[in-house]
Amino acid sequence: MNLYERFVSLHNGNGNDIIYYSNNRINPIENTGKSWEFILNYFKLGRKEKAFYLKFIDEHKEKGKHVHSVSMYYLGCLIKDLINDELAS
């Protein structure tokens, strides 16, 4: 399974844990244009909308960094699963 397939699998709930705030039905892996919507929804589900009042958020979005943020999120989920598997053995 390649990295893209692993990310899709994680998004579909196939990890050691159900992905944090799993009610976020927006799939930014199959459609990177949905990355910003995914991030907004993720923070709203966690009631952390105030994070969007930070000054750098607009610049982050304008430069397209939100797509990379989503990739890092999923990569972190994969690493967490790997560490959990290793610690369990």
C-alpha atoms as a PDB file:
ATOM      1  CA  MET A   1       0.000   0.000   0.000  1.00  0.00           C
ATOM      2  CA  ASN A   2       1.481   3.378  -0.968  1.00  0.00           C
ATOM      3  CA  LEU A   3       1.331   6.536   1.170  1.00  0.00           C
ATOM      4  CA  TYR A   4      -1.685   7.948  -0.655  1.00  0.00           C
ATOM      5  CA  GLU A   5      -3.602   4.695  -0.135  1.00  0.00           C
ATOM      6  CA  ARG A   6      -2.648   4.716   3.558  1.00  0.00           C
ATOM      7  CA  PHE A   7      -3.949   8.278   3.938  1.00  0.00           C
ATOM      8  CA  VAL A   8      -7.241   7.322   2.263  1.00  0.00           C
ATOM      9  CA  SER A   9      -7.466   4.266   4.507  1.00  0.00           C
ATOM     10  CA  LEU A  10      -6.906   6.428   7.598  1.00  0.00           C
ATOM     11  CA  HIS A  11      -9.543   8.878   6.465  1.00  0.00           C
ATOM     12  CA  ASN A  12     -11.975   5.992   6.151  1.00  0.00           C
ATOM     13  CA  GLY A  13     -11.340   5.052   9.791  1.00  0.00           C
ATOM     14  CA  ASN A  14      -8.864   2.221   9.261  1.00  0.00           C
ATOM     15  CA  GLY A  15      -6.262   3.016  11.902  1.00  0.00           C
ATOM     16  CA  ASN A  16      -5.583   1.921  15.450  1.00  0.00           C
ATOM     17  CA  ASP A  17      -8.012   4.599  16.557  1.00  0.00           C
ATOM     18  CA  ILE A  18     -10.839   6.300  14.781  1.00  0.00           C
ATOM     19  CA  ILE A  19      -9.371   9.503  13.394  1.00  0.00           C
ATOM     20  CA  TYR A  20      -9.689  12.470  15.763  1.00  0.00           C
ATOM     21  CA  TYR A  21     -13.009  14.254  15.271  1.00  0.00           C
ATOM     22  CA  SER A  22     -14.170  11.515  12.928  1.00  0.00           C
ATOM     23  CA  ASN A  23     -17.381  13.389  12.158  1.00  0.00           C
ATOM     24  CA  ASN A  24     -15.336  15.442   9.713  1.00  0.00           C
ATOM     25  CA  ARG A  25     -16.678  13.913   6.497  1.00  0.00           C
ATOM     26  CA  ILE A  26     -14.679  16.199   4.205  1.00  0.00           C
ATOM     27  CA  ASN A  27     -12.013  14.188   2.389  1.00  0.00           C
ATOM     28  CA  PRO A  28      -8.980  16.390   1.667  1.00  0.00           C
ATOM     29  CA  ILE A  29      -6.923  13.433   0.448  1.00  0.00           C
ATOM     30  CA  GLU A  30      -8.985  12.663  -2.627  1.00  0.00           C
ATOM     31  CA  ASN A  31      -9.677  16.354  -3.262  1.00  0.00           C
ATOM     32  CA  THR A  32      -6.937  18.706  -2.035  1.00  0.00           C
ATOM     33  CA  GLY A  33      -9.229  21.618  -2.882  1.00  0.00           C
ATOM     34  CA  LYS A  34     -11.155  20.632   0.238  1.00  0.00           C
ATOM     35  CA  SER A  35      -8.115  21.007   2.531  1.00  0.00           C
ATOM     36  CA  TRP A  36      -9.110  24.390   3.926  1.00  0.00           C
ATOM     37  CA  GLU A  37     -12.691  23.219   4.493  1.00  0.00           C
ATOM     38  CA  PHE A  38     -11.345  20.119   6.293  1.00  0.00           C
ATOM     39  CA  ILE A  39      -9.191  22.267   8.598  1.00  0.00           C
ATOM     40  CA  LEU A  40     -12.063  24.655   9.377  1.00  0.00           C
ATOM     41  CA  ASN A  41     -14.422  21.791  10.126  1.00  0.00           C
ATOM     42  CA  TYR A  42     -11.786  20.013  12.242  1.00  0.00           C
ATOM     43  CA  PHE A  43     -11.331  23.068  14.461  1.00  0.00           C
ATOM     44  CA  LYS A  44     -15.075  23.729  14.664  1.00  0.00           C
ATOM     45  CA  LEU A  45     -15.749  20.141  15.771  1.00  0.00           C
ATOM     46  CA  GLY A  46     -13.158  20.622  18.518  1.00  0.00           C
ATOM     47  CA  ARG A  47     -14.628  24.016  19.415  1.00  0.00           C
ATOM     48  CA  LYS A  48     -11.290  25.669  18.690  1.00  0.00           C
ATOM     49  CA  GLU A  49     -12.470  28.253  16.153  1.00  0.00           C
ATOM     50  CA  LYS A  50     -10.542  30.984  17.961  1.00  0.00           C
ATOM     51  CA  ALA A  51      -7.386  29.600  16.355  1.00  0.00           C
ATOM     52  CA  PHE A  52      -8.534  31.314  13.159  1.00  0.00           C
ATOM     53  CA  TYR A  53      -8.169  34.729  14.787  1.00  0.00           C
ATOM     54  CA  LEU A  54      -4.381  34.379  14.683  1.00  0.00           C
ATOM     55  CA  LYS A  55      -2.674  36.786  12.296  1.00  0.00           C
ATOM     56  CA  PHE A  56      -0.775  34.193  10.257  1.00  0.00           C
ATOM     57  CA  ILE A  57      -3.852  32.146   9.286  1.00  0.00           C
ATOM     58  CA  ASP A  58      -4.729  34.234   6.215  1.00  0.00           C
ATOM     59  CA  GLU A  59      -1.143  34.133   4.986  1.00  0.00           C
ATOM     60  CA  HIS A  60      -1.027  30.377   5.624  1.00  0.00           C
ATOM     61  CA  LYS A  61      -4.107  29.906   3.445  1.00  0.00           C
ATOM     62  CA  GLU A  62      -3.014  32.330   0.702  1.00  0.00           C
ATOM     63  CA  LYS A  63       0.301  30.520   0.271  1.00  0.00           C
ATOM     64  CA  GLY A  64      -1.425  27.141  -0.038  1.00  0.00           C
ATOM     65  CA  LYS A  65       0.151  25.797   3.137  1.00  0.00           C
ATOM     66  CA  HIS A  66      -3.154  24.273   4.236  1.00  0.00           C
ATOM     67  CA  VAL A  67      -2.697  21.381   1.802  1.00  0.00           C
ATOM     68  CA  HIS A  68       0.645  20.577   3.447  1.00  0.00           C
ATOM     69  CA  SER A  69      -0.896  20.940   6.918  1.00  0.00           C
ATOM     70  CA  VAL A  70      -3.443  18.262   6.067  1.00  0.00           C
ATOM     71  CA  SER A  71      -0.711  15.977   4.712  1.00  0.00           C
ATOM     72  CA  MET A  72       1.267  16.420   7.926  1.00  0.00           C
ATOM     73  CA  TYR A  73      -1.848  15.639   9.965  1.00  0.00           C
ATOM     74  CA  TYR A  74      -2.320  12.308   8.209  1.00  0.00           C
ATOM     75  CA  LEU A  75       1.401  11.558   8.357  1.00  0.00           C
ATOM     76  CA  GLY A  76       1.241  12.154  12.114  1.00  0.00           C
ATOM     77  CA  CYS A  77      -1.675   9.704  12.376  1.00  0.00           C
ATOM     78  CA  LEU A  78       0.382   7.078  10.509  1.00  0.00           C
ATOM     79  CA  ILE A  79       3.396   7.625  12.755  1.00  0.00           C
ATOM     80  CA  LYS A  80       1.167   7.364  15.832  1.00  0.00           C
ATOM     81  CA  ASP A  81      -0.176   4.020  14.602  1.00  0.00           C
ATOM     82  CA  LEU A  82       3.359   2.753  13.902  1.00  0.00           C
ATOM     83  CA  ILE A  83       4.544   3.773  17.352  1.00  0.00           C
ATOM     84  CA  ASN A  84       1.505   2.230  19.016  1.00  0.00           C
ATOM     85  CA  ASP A  85       2.057  -1.024  17.100  1.00  0.00           C
ATOM     86  CA  GLU A  86       5.728  -1.087  18.056  1.00  0.00           C
ATOM     87  CA  LEU A  87       5.043  -0.385  21.722  1.00  0.00           C
ATOM     88  CA  ALA A  88       2.369  -3.081  21.811  1.00  0.00           C
ATOM     89  CA  SER A  89       4.763  -5.768  20.578  1.00  0.00           C
END
